[in-house]
Amino acid sequence: FFSSSACVYPQENQQDPDAPDCREDSVYPAHPDSEYGWEKLFA
C-alpha cells in the first residue's frame, strides 16, 4: 500500500472554495500545487 495525497490534484481545479474538483480522473493534465504533490504523483 502506498500513501499518496490529495496534493496531486491540479491547482486550477481547487480555486473555488465551494466547489473543488477532486475526482480521481481529474488529476491529468497534471499541475499539483506543490513539489510534494509532484513527487506523490510521480510515485
PDB file of all heavy atoms in Angstrom:
ATOM      1  N   PHE A   1       0.857  -1.184   0.000  1.00  0.00           N
ATOM      2  CA  PHE A   1       0.000   0.000   0.000  1.00  0.00           C
ATOM      3  C   PHE A   1       0.891   1.231   0.000  1.00  0.00           C
ATOM      4  O   PHE A   1       1.811   1.344   0.817  1.00  0.00           O
ATOM      5  CB  PHE A   1      -0.912   0.045   1.230  1.00  0.00           C
ATOM      6  CG  PHE A   1      -1.668   1.343   1.334  1.00  0.00           C
ATOM      7  CD1 PHE A   1      -2.841   1.527   0.630  1.00  0.00           C
ATOM      8  CD2 PHE A   1      -1.175   2.388   2.104  1.00  0.00           C
ATOM      9  CE1 PHE A   1      -3.519   2.746   0.690  1.00  0.00           C
ATOM     10  CE2 PHE A   1      -1.845   3.598   2.176  1.00  0.00           C
ATOM     11  CZ  PHE A   1      -3.021   3.774   1.465  1.00  0.00           C
ATOM     12  N   PHE A   2       0.590   2.179  -0.900  1.00  0.00           N
ATOM     13  CA  PHE A   2       1.329   3.439  -0.954  1.00  0.00           C
ATOM     14  C   PHE A   2       0.399   4.592  -0.598  1.00  0.00           C
ATOM     15  O   PHE A   2      -0.676   4.752  -1.183  1.00  0.00           O
ATOM     16  CB  PHE A   2       1.910   3.670  -2.348  1.00  0.00           C
ATOM     17  CG  PHE A   2       2.457   5.059  -2.531  1.00  0.00           C
ATOM     18  CD1 PHE A   2       3.522   5.509  -1.759  1.00  0.00           C
ATOM     19  CD2 PHE A   2       1.904   5.927  -3.468  1.00  0.00           C
ATOM     20  CE1 PHE A   2       4.017   6.797  -1.907  1.00  0.00           C
ATOM     21  CE2 PHE A   2       2.396   7.214  -3.630  1.00  0.00           C
ATOM     22  CZ  PHE A   2       3.456   7.652  -2.850  1.00  0.00           C
ATOM     23  N   SER A   3       0.815   5.394   0.362  1.00  0.00           N
ATOM     24  CA  SER A   3       0.012   6.544   0.784  1.00  0.00           C
ATOM     25  C   SER A   3       0.346   7.752  -0.081  1.00  0.00           C
ATOM     26  O   SER A   3       1.362   8.412   0.111  1.00  0.00           O
ATOM     27  CB  SER A   3       0.251   6.861   2.264  1.00  0.00           C
ATOM     28  OG  SER A   3       1.617   7.137   2.504  1.00  0.00           O
ATOM     29  N   SER A   4      -0.528   8.024  -1.038  1.00  0.00           N
ATOM     30  CA  SER A   4      -0.412   9.223  -1.852  1.00  0.00           C
ATOM     31  C   SER A   4      -1.179  10.349  -1.165  1.00  0.00           C
ATOM     32  O   SER A   4      -1.480  10.265   0.027  1.00  0.00           O
ATOM     33  CB  SER A   4      -0.940   8.954  -3.263  1.00  0.00           C
ATOM     34  OG  SER A   4      -0.707  10.078  -4.106  1.00  0.00           O
ATOM     35  N   SER A   5      -1.509  11.392  -1.894  1.00  0.00           N
ATOM     36  CA  SER A   5      -2.070  12.586  -1.264  1.00  0.00           C
ATOM     37  C   SER A   5      -3.016  13.317  -2.206  1.00  0.00           C
ATOM     38  O   SER A   5      -2.863  13.270  -3.439  1.00  0.00           O
ATOM     39  CB  SER A   5      -0.930  13.526  -0.869  1.00  0.00           C
ATOM     40  OG  SER A   5      -1.401  14.804  -0.514  1.00  0.00           O
ATOM     41  N   ALA A   6      -3.962  14.041  -1.612  1.00  0.00           N
ATOM     42  CA  ALA A   6      -4.829  14.928  -2.392  1.00  0.00           C
ATOM     43  C   ALA A   6      -4.039  16.057  -3.033  1.00  0.00           C
ATOM     44  O   ALA A   6      -4.553  16.749  -3.919  1.00  0.00           O
ATOM     45  CB  ALA A   6      -5.915  15.502  -1.501  1.00  0.00           C
ATOM     46  N   CYS A   7      -2.794  16.243  -2.610  1.00  0.00           N
ATOM     47  CA  CYS A   7      -1.949  17.286  -3.198  1.00  0.00           C
ATOM     48  C   CYS A   7      -1.596  17.006  -4.656  1.00  0.00           C
ATOM     49  O   CYS A   7      -1.006  17.859  -5.322  1.00  0.00           O
ATOM     50  CB  CYS A   7      -0.671  17.464  -2.382  1.00  0.00           C
ATOM     51  SG  CYS A   7      -0.932  18.232  -0.760  1.00  0.00           S
ATOM     52  N   VAL A   8      -1.948  15.824  -5.167  1.00  0.00           N
ATOM     53  CA  VAL A   8      -1.661  15.528  -6.576  1.00  0.00           C
ATOM     54  C   VAL A   8      -2.614  16.255  -7.519  1.00  0.00           C
ATOM     55  O   VAL A   8      -2.325  16.393  -8.719  1.00  0.00           O
ATOM     56  CB  VAL A   8      -1.733  14.014  -6.866  1.00  0.00           C
ATOM     57  CG1 VAL A   8      -0.704  13.254  -6.047  1.00  0.00           C
ATOM     58  CG2 VAL A   8      -3.134  13.457  -6.638  1.00  0.00           C
ATOM     59  N   TYR A   9      -3.742  16.758  -7.019  1.00  0.00           N
ATOM     60  CA  TYR A   9      -4.749  17.319  -7.917  1.00  0.00           C
ATOM     61  C   TYR A   9      -4.352  18.704  -8.430  1.00  0.00           C
ATOM     62  O   TYR A   9      -3.650  19.460  -7.747  1.00  0.00           O
ATOM     63  CB  TYR A   9      -6.105  17.368  -7.210  1.00  0.00           C
ATOM     64  CG  TYR A   9      -6.696  15.995  -7.044  1.00  0.00           C
ATOM     65  CD1 TYR A   9      -6.807  15.418  -5.784  1.00  0.00           C
ATOM     66  CD2 TYR A   9      -7.096  15.253  -8.144  1.00  0.00           C
ATOM     67  CE1 TYR A   9      -7.325  14.135  -5.630  1.00  0.00           C
ATOM     68  CE2 TYR A   9      -7.616  13.968  -8.002  1.00  0.00           C
ATOM     69  CZ  TYR A   9      -7.721  13.417  -6.743  1.00  0.00           C
ATOM     70  OH  TYR A   9      -8.217  12.148  -6.608  1.00  0.00           O
ATOM     71  N   PRO A  10      -4.793  19.057  -9.648  1.00  0.00           N
ATOM     72  CA  PRO A  10      -4.393  20.336 -10.259  1.00  0.00           C
ATOM     73  C   PRO A  10      -4.845  21.550  -9.465  1.00  0.00           C
ATOM     74  O   PRO A  10      -5.971  21.584  -8.952  1.00  0.00           O
ATOM     75  CB  PRO A  10      -5.079  20.302 -11.637  1.00  0.00           C
ATOM     76  CG  PRO A  10      -5.324  18.853 -11.920  1.00  0.00           C
ATOM     77  CD  PRO A  10      -5.593  18.232 -10.591  1.00  0.00           C
ATOM     78  N   GLN A  11      -3.987  22.532  -9.406  1.00  0.00           N
ATOM     79  CA  GLN A  11      -4.301  23.772  -8.688  1.00  0.00           C
ATOM     80  C   GLN A  11      -5.586  24.409  -9.195  1.00  0.00           C
ATOM     81  O   GLN A  11      -6.424  24.876  -8.415  1.00  0.00           O
ATOM     82  CB  GLN A  11      -3.161  24.777  -8.853  1.00  0.00           C
ATOM     83  CG  GLN A  11      -1.840  24.363  -8.254  1.00  0.00           C
ATOM     84  CD  GLN A  11      -0.781  25.422  -8.428  1.00  0.00           C
ATOM     85  OE1 GLN A  11      -1.031  26.607  -8.182  1.00  0.00           O
ATOM     86  NE2 GLN A  11       0.397  25.031  -8.864  1.00  0.00           N
ATOM     87  N   GLU A  12      -5.733  24.444 -10.538  1.00  0.00           N
ATOM     88  CA  GLU A  12      -6.870  25.156 -11.118  1.00  0.00           C
ATOM     89  C   GLU A  12      -8.214  24.491 -10.807  1.00  0.00           C
ATOM     90  O   GLU A  12      -9.261  25.125 -10.931  1.00  0.00           O
ATOM     91  CB  GLU A  12      -6.698  25.309 -12.634  1.00  0.00           C
ATOM     92  CG  GLU A  12      -6.326  24.033 -13.356  1.00  0.00           C
ATOM     93  CD  GLU A  12      -4.819  23.837 -13.460  1.00  0.00           C
ATOM     94  OE1 GLU A  12      -4.076  24.326 -12.589  1.00  0.00           O
ATOM     95  OE2 GLU A  12      -4.395  23.188 -14.436  1.00  0.00           O
ATOM     96  N   ASN A  13      -8.190  23.219 -10.391  1.00  0.00           N
ATOM     97  CA  ASN A  13      -9.430  22.526 -10.015  1.00  0.00           C
ATOM     98  C   ASN A  13      -9.854  22.850  -8.587  1.00  0.00           C
ATOM     99  O   ASN A  13     -10.899  22.373  -8.134  1.00  0.00           O
ATOM    100  CB  ASN A  13      -9.249  21.009 -10.127  1.00  0.00           C
ATOM    101  CG  ASN A  13      -9.142  20.543 -11.562  1.00  0.00           C
ATOM    102  OD1 ASN A  13      -8.997  21.344 -12.470  1.00  0.00           O
ATOM    103  ND2 ASN A  13      -9.204  19.240 -11.759  1.00  0.00           N
ATOM    104  N   GLN A  14      -9.037  23.632  -7.873  1.00  0.00           N
ATOM    105  CA  GLN A  14      -9.279  23.851  -6.450  1.00  0.00           C
ATOM    106  C   GLN A  14      -9.229  25.331  -6.083  1.00  0.00           C
ATOM    107  O   GLN A  14      -8.834  25.693  -4.987  1.00  0.00           O
ATOM    108  CB  GLN A  14      -8.242  23.056  -5.644  1.00  0.00           C
ATOM    109  CG  GLN A  14      -8.277  21.558  -5.947  1.00  0.00           C
ATOM    110  CD  GLN A  14      -7.106  20.818  -5.339  1.00  0.00           C
ATOM    111  OE1 GLN A  14      -7.149  20.415  -4.178  1.00  0.00           O
ATOM    112  NE2 GLN A  14      -6.047  20.651  -6.109  1.00  0.00           N
ATOM    113  N   GLN A  15      -9.665  26.157  -7.031  1.00  0.00           N
ATOM    114  CA  GLN A  15      -9.678  27.601  -6.790  1.00  0.00           C
ATOM    115  C   GLN A  15     -11.000  28.087  -6.211  1.00  0.00           C
ATOM    116  O   GLN A  15     -11.060  29.139  -5.589  1.00  0.00           O
ATOM    117  CB  GLN A  15      -9.378  28.348  -8.094  1.00  0.00           C
ATOM    118  CG  GLN A  15      -7.959  28.135  -8.601  1.00  0.00           C
ATOM    119  CD  GLN A  15      -6.907  28.423  -7.544  1.00  0.00           C
ATOM    120  OE1 GLN A  15      -6.898  29.487  -6.937  1.00  0.00           O
ATOM    121  NE2 GLN A  15      -6.020  27.467  -7.311  1.00  0.00           N
ATOM    122  N   ASP A  16     -12.065  27.326  -6.425  1.00  0.00           N
ATOM    123  CA  ASP A  16     -13.365  27.676  -5.875  1.00  0.00           C
ATOM    124  C   ASP A  16     -13.528  26.967  -4.533  1.00  0.00           C
ATOM    125  O   ASP A  16     -13.630  25.744  -4.488  1.00  0.00           O
ATOM    126  CB  ASP A  16     -14.479  27.235  -6.832  1.00  0.00           C
ATOM    127  CG  ASP A  16     -15.870  27.628  -6.340  1.00  0.00           C
ATOM    128  OD1 ASP A  16     -16.003  28.052  -5.178  1.00  0.00           O
ATOM    129  OD2 ASP A  16     -16.823  27.495  -7.139  1.00  0.00           O
ATOM    130  N   PRO A  17     -13.549  27.705  -3.418  1.00  0.00           N
ATOM    131  CA  PRO A  17     -13.623  27.043  -2.113  1.00  0.00           C
ATOM    132  C   PRO A  17     -14.936  26.296  -1.886  1.00  0.00           C
ATOM    133  O   PRO A  17     -15.014  25.433  -1.011  1.00  0.00           O
ATOM    134  CB  PRO A  17     -13.480  28.196  -1.112  1.00  0.00           C
ATOM    135  CG  PRO A  17     -13.895  29.411  -1.874  1.00  0.00           C
ATOM    136  CD  PRO A  17     -13.498  29.167  -3.294  1.00  0.00           C
ATOM    137  N   ASP A  18     -15.959  26.602  -2.692  1.00  0.00           N
ATOM    138  CA  ASP A  18     -17.258  25.951  -2.516  1.00  0.00           C
ATOM    139  C   ASP A  18     -17.470  24.755  -3.450  1.00  0.00           C
ATOM    140  O   ASP A  18     -18.390  23.972  -3.221  1.00  0.00           O
ATOM    141  CB  ASP A  18     -18.385  26.967  -2.746  1.00  0.00           C
ATOM    142  CG  ASP A  18     -18.340  28.101  -1.742  1.00  0.00           C
ATOM    143  OD1 ASP A  18     -18.117  27.817  -0.546  1.00  0.00           O
ATOM    144  OD2 ASP A  18     -18.505  29.264  -2.160  1.00  0.00           O
ATOM    145  N   ALA A  19     -16.632  24.623  -4.483  1.00  0.00           N
ATOM    146  CA  ALA A  19     -16.850  23.541  -5.447  1.00  0.00           C
ATOM    147  C   ALA A  19     -15.533  23.021  -6.026  1.00  0.00           C
ATOM    148  O   ALA A  19     -15.301  23.087  -7.232  1.00  0.00           O
ATOM    149  CB  ALA A  19     -17.770  24.018  -6.575  1.00  0.00           C
ATOM    150  N   PRO A  20     -14.635  22.495  -5.182  1.00  0.00           N
ATOM    151  CA  PRO A  20     -13.388  21.919  -5.708  1.00  0.00           C
ATOM    152  C   PRO A  20     -13.668  20.626  -6.460  1.00  0.00           C
ATOM    153  O   PRO A  20     -14.645  19.926  -6.181  1.00  0.00           O
ATOM    154  CB  PRO A  20     -12.568  21.659  -4.443  1.00  0.00           C
ATOM    155  CG  PRO A  20     -13.589  21.465  -3.371  1.00  0.00           C
ATOM    156  CD  PRO A  20     -14.732  22.384  -3.715  1.00  0.00           C
ATOM    157  N   ASP A  21     -12.802  20.309  -7.419  1.00  0.00           N
ATOM    158  CA  ASP A  21     -12.944  19.082  -8.207  1.00  0.00           C
ATOM    159  C   ASP A  21     -11.783  18.161  -7.891  1.00  0.00           C
ATOM    160  O   ASP A  21     -10.667  18.374  -8.357  1.00  0.00           O
ATOM    161  CB  ASP A  21     -12.974  19.410  -9.705  1.00  0.00           C
ATOM    162  CG  ASP A  21     -13.148  18.160 -10.572  1.00  0.00           C
ATOM    163  OD1 ASP A  21     -13.348  17.061 -10.005  1.00  0.00           O
ATOM    164  OD2 ASP A  21     -13.073  18.287 -11.802  1.00  0.00           O
ATOM    165  N   CYS A  22     -12.041  17.129  -7.096  1.00  0.00           N
ATOM    166  CA  CYS A  22     -11.003  16.157  -6.737  1.00  0.00           C
ATOM    167  C   CYS A  22     -11.423  14.747  -7.165  1.00  0.00           C
ATOM    168  O   CYS A  22     -11.148  13.775  -6.465  1.00  0.00           O
ATOM    169  CB  CYS A  22     -10.715  16.203  -5.245  1.00  0.00           C
ATOM    170  SG  CYS A  22      -9.931  17.735  -4.697  1.00  0.00           S
ATOM    171  N   ARG A  23     -12.097  14.646  -8.304  1.00  0.00           N
ATOM    172  CA  ARG A  23     -12.351  13.319  -8.873  1.00  0.00           C
ATOM    173  C   ARG A  23     -11.009  12.692  -9.253  1.00  0.00           C
ATOM    174  O   ARG A  23     -10.118  13.376  -9.747  1.00  0.00           O
ATOM    175  CB  ARG A  23     -13.235  13.421 -10.107  1.00  0.00           C
ATOM    176  CG  ARG A  23     -14.675  13.823  -9.851  1.00  0.00           C
ATOM    177  CD  ARG A  23     -15.405  14.065 -11.168  1.00  0.00           C
ATOM    178  NE  ARG A  23     -14.812  15.184 -11.899  1.00  0.00           N
ATOM    179  CZ  ARG A  23     -14.155  15.053 -13.040  1.00  0.00           C
ATOM    180  NH1 ARG A  23     -13.970  13.852 -13.585  1.00  0.00           N
ATOM    181  NH2 ARG A  23     -13.660  16.124 -13.642  1.00  0.00           N
ATOM    182  N   GLU A  24     -10.880  11.401  -9.069  1.00  0.00           N
ATOM    183  CA  GLU A  24      -9.610  10.734  -9.354  1.00  0.00           C
ATOM    184  C   GLU A  24      -9.142  10.965 -10.782  1.00  0.00           C
ATOM    185  O   GLU A  24      -7.947  11.146 -11.041  1.00  0.00           O
ATOM    186  CB  GLU A  24      -9.725   9.233  -9.071  1.00  0.00           C
ATOM    187  CG  GLU A  24      -9.731   8.873  -7.593  1.00  0.00           C
ATOM    188  CD  GLU A  24     -11.097   8.918  -6.949  1.00  0.00           C
ATOM    189  OE1 GLU A  24     -12.059   9.434  -7.593  1.00  0.00           O
ATOM    190  OE2 GLU A  24     -11.229   8.447  -5.804  1.00  0.00           O
ATOM    191  N   ASP A  25     -10.093  10.964 -11.741  1.00  0.00           N
ATOM    192  CA  ASP A  25      -9.678  11.107 -13.138  1.00  0.00           C
ATOM    193  C   ASP A  25      -9.411  12.554 -13.533  1.00  0.00           C
ATOM    194  O   ASP A  25      -9.052  12.832 -14.677  1.00  0.00           O
ATOM    195  CB  ASP A  25     -10.710  10.480 -14.074  1.00  0.00           C
ATOM    196  CG  ASP A  25     -12.089  11.114 -13.971  1.00  0.00           C
ATOM    197  OD1 ASP A  25     -12.241  12.098 -13.226  1.00  0.00           O
ATOM    198  OD2 ASP A  25     -13.016  10.615 -14.636  1.00  0.00           O
ATOM    199  N   SER A  26      -9.558  13.494 -12.592  1.00  0.00           N
ATOM    200  CA  SER A  26      -9.262  14.896 -12.894  1.00  0.00           C
ATOM    201  C   SER A  26      -7.787  15.231 -12.676  1.00  0.00           C
ATOM    202  O   SER A  26      -7.385  16.379 -12.868  1.00  0.00           O
ATOM    203  CB  SER A  26     -10.130  15.813 -12.029  1.00  0.00           C
ATOM    204  OG  SER A  26      -9.672  15.830 -10.681  1.00  0.00           O
ATOM    205  N   VAL A  27      -6.991  14.256 -12.271  1.00  0.00           N
ATOM    206  CA  VAL A  27      -5.599  14.526 -11.909  1.00  0.00           C
ATOM    207  C   VAL A  27      -4.752  14.941 -13.116  1.00  0.00           C
ATOM    208  O   VAL A  27      -3.726  15.604 -12.951  1.00  0.00           O
ATOM    209  CB  VAL A  27      -4.987  13.300 -11.197  1.00  0.00           C
ATOM    210  CG1 VAL A  27      -4.669  12.185 -12.177  1.00  0.00           C
ATOM    211  CG2 VAL A  27      -3.775  13.680 -10.372  1.00  0.00           C
ATOM    212  N   TYR A  28      -5.186  14.577 -14.322  1.00  0.00           N
ATOM    213  CA  TYR A  28      -4.486  14.988 -15.545  1.00  0.00           C
ATOM    214  C   TYR A  28      -5.400  15.880 -16.377  1.00  0.00           C
ATOM    215  O   TYR A  28      -6.602  15.638 -16.422  1.00  0.00           O
ATOM    216  CB  TYR A  28      -4.057  13.755 -16.349  1.00  0.00           C
ATOM    217  CG  TYR A  28      -3.048  12.904 -15.621  1.00  0.00           C
ATOM    218  CD1 TYR A  28      -3.431  11.704 -15.037  1.00  0.00           C
ATOM    219  CD2 TYR A  28      -1.728  13.313 -15.496  1.00  0.00           C
ATOM    220  CE1 TYR A  28      -2.518  10.925 -14.347  1.00  0.00           C
ATOM    221  CE2 TYR A  28      -0.807  12.540 -14.807  1.00  0.00           C
ATOM    222  CZ  TYR A  28      -1.208  11.349 -14.232  1.00  0.00           C
ATOM    223  OH  TYR A  28      -0.296  10.598 -13.547  1.00  0.00           O
ATOM    224  N   PRO A  29      -4.845  16.916 -17.051  1.00  0.00           N
ATOM    225  CA  PRO A  29      -3.443  17.332 -17.121  1.00  0.00           C
ATOM    226  C   PRO A  29      -2.909  17.714 -15.739  1.00  0.00           C
ATOM    227  O   PRO A  29      -3.595  18.392 -14.979  1.00  0.00           O
ATOM    228  CB  PRO A  29      -3.459  18.540 -18.041  1.00  0.00           C
ATOM    229  CG  PRO A  29      -4.750  18.451 -18.796  1.00  0.00           C
ATOM    230  CD  PRO A  29      -5.707  17.800 -17.865  1.00  0.00           C
ATOM    231  N   ALA A  30      -1.701  17.273 -15.454  1.00  0.00           N
ATOM    232  CA  ALA A  30      -1.133  17.406 -14.117  1.00  0.00           C
ATOM    233  C   ALA A  30      -0.655  18.834 -13.846  1.00  0.00           C
ATOM    234  O   ALA A  30      -0.005  19.454 -14.681  1.00  0.00           O
ATOM    235  CB  ALA A  30       0.023  16.439 -13.945  1.00  0.00           C
ATOM    236  N   HIS A  31      -0.992  19.321 -12.644  1.00  0.00           N
ATOM    237  CA  HIS A  31      -0.495  20.619 -12.181  1.00  0.00           C
ATOM    238  C   HIS A  31      -0.671  20.708 -10.666  1.00  0.00           C
ATOM    239  O   HIS A  31      -1.440  21.543 -10.163  1.00  0.00           O
ATOM    240  CB  HIS A  31      -1.231  21.759 -12.884  1.00  0.00           C
ATOM    241  CG  HIS A  31      -0.613  23.092 -12.625  1.00  0.00           C
ATOM    242  ND1 HIS A  31      -1.311  24.281 -12.767  1.00  0.00           N
ATOM    243  CD2 HIS A  31       0.640  23.454 -12.245  1.00  0.00           C
ATOM    244  CE1 HIS A  31      -0.526  25.297 -12.472  1.00  0.00           C
ATOM    245  NE2 HIS A  31       0.671  24.828 -12.158  1.00  0.00           N
ATOM    246  N   PRO A  32       0.023  19.831  -9.900  1.00  0.00           N
ATOM    247  CA  PRO A  32      -0.104  19.871  -8.434  1.00  0.00           C
ATOM    248  C   PRO A  32       0.314  21.227  -7.873  1.00  0.00           C
ATOM    249  O   PRO A  32       1.030  22.001  -8.516  1.00  0.00           O
ATOM    250  CB  PRO A  32       0.844  18.753  -7.978  1.00  0.00           C
ATOM    251  CG  PRO A  32       0.928  17.831  -9.133  1.00  0.00           C
ATOM    252  CD  PRO A  32       0.864  18.715 -10.341  1.00  0.00           C
ATOM    253  N   ASP A  33      -0.128  21.479  -6.634  1.00  0.00           N
ATOM    254  CA  ASP A  33       0.099  22.788  -6.023  1.00  0.00           C
ATOM    255  C   ASP A  33       1.428  22.899  -5.302  1.00  0.00           C
ATOM    256  O   ASP A  33       1.729  23.942  -4.726  1.00  0.00           O
ATOM    257  CB  ASP A  33      -1.040  23.126  -5.047  1.00  0.00           C
ATOM    258  CG  ASP A  33      -1.137  22.157  -3.878  1.00  0.00           C
ATOM    259  OD1 ASP A  33      -0.360  21.187  -3.844  1.00  0.00           O
ATOM    260  OD2 ASP A  33      -1.991  22.360  -3.001  1.00  0.00           O
ATOM    261  N   SER A  34       2.227  21.834  -5.309  1.00  0.00           N
ATOM    262  CA  SER A  34       3.489  21.857  -4.570  1.00  0.00           C
ATOM    263  C   SER A  34       4.413  20.784  -5.116  1.00  0.00           C
ATOM    264  O   SER A  34       3.981  19.844  -5.800  1.00  0.00           O
ATOM    265  CB  SER A  34       3.240  21.592  -3.078  1.00  0.00           C
ATOM    266  OG  SER A  34       2.653  20.304  -2.900  1.00  0.00           O
ATOM    267  N   GLU A  35       5.700  20.894  -4.788  1.00  0.00           N
ATOM    268  CA  GLU A  35       6.637  19.845  -5.184  1.00  0.00           C
ATOM    269  C   GLU A  35       6.326  18.537  -4.449  1.00  0.00           C
ATOM    270  O   GLU A  35       6.564  17.444  -4.959  1.00  0.00           O
ATOM    271  CB  GLU A  35       8.071  20.289  -4.896  1.00  0.00           C
ATOM    272  CG  GLU A  35       8.480  21.579  -5.600  1.00  0.00           C
ATOM    273  CD  GLU A  35       8.268  21.537  -7.104  1.00  0.00           C
ATOM    274  OE1 GLU A  35       8.258  20.443  -7.695  1.00  0.00           O
ATOM    275  OE2 GLU A  35       8.107  22.619  -7.706  1.00  0.00           O
ATOM    276  N   TYR A  36       5.782  18.663  -3.245  1.00  0.00           N
ATOM    277  CA  TYR A  36       5.317  17.478  -2.519  1.00  0.00           C
ATOM    278  C   TYR A  36       4.280  16.731  -3.355  1.00  0.00           C
ATOM    279  O   TYR A  36       4.324  15.497  -3.480  1.00  0.00           O
ATOM    280  CB  TYR A  36       4.725  17.917  -1.185  1.00  0.00           C
ATOM    281  CG  TYR A  36       4.055  16.827  -0.379  1.00  0.00           C
ATOM    282  CD1 TYR A  36       4.798  15.922   0.378  1.00  0.00           C
ATOM    283  CD2 TYR A  36       2.664  16.697  -0.370  1.00  0.00           C
ATOM    284  CE1 TYR A  36       4.179  14.926   1.117  1.00  0.00           C
ATOM    285  CE2 TYR A  36       2.045  15.710   0.370  1.00  0.00           C
ATOM    286  CZ  TYR A  36       2.798  14.822   1.103  1.00  0.00           C
ATOM    287  OH  TYR A  36       2.183  13.827   1.834  1.00  0.00           O
ATOM    288  N   GLY A  37       3.338  17.471  -3.948  1.00  0.00           N
ATOM    289  CA  GLY A  37       2.324  16.853  -4.792  1.00  0.00           C
ATOM    290  C   GLY A  37       2.913  16.237  -6.051  1.00  0.00           C
ATOM    291  O   GLY A  37       2.497  15.154  -6.485  1.00  0.00           O
ATOM    292  N   TRP A  38       3.892  16.907  -6.650  1.00  0.00           N
ATOM    293  CA  TRP A  38       4.540  16.359  -7.850  1.00  0.00           C
ATOM    294  C   TRP A  38       5.250  15.046  -7.530  1.00  0.00           C
ATOM    295  O   TRP A  38       5.187  14.084  -8.304  1.00  0.00           O
ATOM    296  CB  TRP A  38       5.540  17.361  -8.427  1.00  0.00           C
ATOM    297  CG  TRP A  38       4.919  18.399  -9.303  1.00  0.00           C
ATOM    298  CD1 TRP A  38       4.740  19.719  -9.010  1.00  0.00           C
ATOM    299  CD2 TRP A  38       4.377  18.210 -10.615  1.00  0.00           C
ATOM    300  NE1 TRP A  38       4.123  20.362 -10.060  1.00  0.00           N
ATOM    301  CE2 TRP A  38       3.904  19.467 -11.060  1.00  0.00           C
ATOM    302  CE3 TRP A  38       4.272  17.109 -11.463  1.00  0.00           C
ATOM    303  CZ2 TRP A  38       3.307  19.641 -12.317  1.00  0.00           C
ATOM    304  CZ3 TRP A  38       3.686  17.272 -12.726  1.00  0.00           C
ATOM    305  CH2 TRP A  38       3.212  18.533 -13.136  1.00  0.00           C
ATOM    306  N   GLU A  39       5.928  14.992  -6.395  1.00  0.00           N
ATOM    307  CA  GLU A  39       6.619  13.742  -6.042  1.00  0.00           C
ATOM    308  C   GLU A  39       5.611  12.622  -5.796  1.00  0.00           C
ATOM    309  O   GLU A  39       5.844  11.476  -6.206  1.00  0.00           O
ATOM    310  CB  GLU A  39       7.486  13.957  -4.796  1.00  0.00           C
ATOM    311  CG  GLU A  39       8.461  12.814  -4.507  1.00  0.00           C
ATOM    312  CD  GLU A  39       7.811  11.582  -3.894  1.00  0.00           C
ATOM    313  OE1 GLU A  39       6.855  11.749  -3.098  1.00  0.00           O
ATOM    314  OE2 GLU A  39       8.242  10.444  -4.209  1.00  0.00           O
ATOM    315  N   LYS A  40       4.505  12.927  -5.140  1.00  0.00           N
ATOM    316  CA  LYS A  40       3.482  11.913  -4.910  1.00  0.00           C
ATOM    317  C   LYS A  40       2.914  11.403  -6.232  1.00  0.00           C
ATOM    318  O   LYS A  40       2.652  10.197  -6.390  1.00  0.00           O
ATOM    319  CB  LYS A  40       2.351  12.480  -4.042  1.00  0.00           C
ATOM    320  CG  LYS A  40       2.704  12.659  -2.579  1.00  0.00           C
ATOM    321  CD  LYS A  40       2.891  11.324  -1.868  1.00  0.00           C
ATOM    322  CE  LYS A  40       3.018  11.477  -0.371  1.00  0.00           C
ATOM    323  NZ  LYS A  40       3.251  10.195   0.331  1.00  0.00           N
ATOM    324  N   LEU A  41       2.719  12.299  -7.186  1.00  0.00           N
ATOM    325  CA  LEU A  41       2.176  11.881  -8.478  1.00  0.00           C
ATOM    326  C   LEU A  41       3.181  11.010  -9.236  1.00  0.00           C
ATOM    327  O   LEU A  41       2.806   9.990  -9.832  1.00  0.00           O
ATOM    328  CB  LEU A  41       1.803  13.113  -9.307  1.00  0.00           C
ATOM    329  CG  LEU A  41       0.983  12.843 -10.568  1.00  0.00           C
ATOM    330  CD1 LEU A  41      -0.326  12.132 -10.246  1.00  0.00           C
ATOM    331  CD2 LEU A  41       0.702  14.154 -11.309  1.00  0.00           C
ATOM    332  N   PHE A  42       4.457  11.395  -9.197  1.00  0.00           N
ATOM    333  CA  PHE A  42       5.496  10.545  -9.785  1.00  0.00           C
ATOM    334  C   PHE A  42       5.506   9.171  -9.133  1.00  0.00           C
ATOM    335  O   PHE A  42       5.584   8.135  -9.814  1.00  0.00           O
ATOM    336  CB  PHE A  42       6.867  11.201  -9.625  1.00  0.00           C
ATOM    337  CG  PHE A  42       8.010  10.241  -9.823  1.00  0.00           C
ATOM    338  CD1 PHE A  42       8.365   9.792 -11.083  1.00  0.00           C
ATOM    339  CD2 PHE A  42       8.719   9.752  -8.726  1.00  0.00           C
ATOM    340  CE1 PHE A  42       9.409   8.882 -11.263  1.00  0.00           C
ATOM    341  CE2 PHE A  42       9.756   8.847  -8.887  1.00  0.00           C
ATOM    342  CZ  PHE A  42      10.102   8.408 -10.159  1.00  0.00           C
ATOM    343  N   ALA A  43       5.410   9.138  -7.811  1.00  0.00           N
ATOM    344  CA  ALA A  43       5.437   7.858  -7.099  1.00  0.00           C
ATOM    345  C   ALA A  43       4.238   6.994  -7.472  1.00  0.00           C
ATOM    346  O   ALA A  43       4.366   5.767  -7.610  1.00  0.00           O
ATOM    347  CB  ALA A  43       5.474   8.107  -5.587  1.00  0.00           C
TER     348      ALA A  43
END
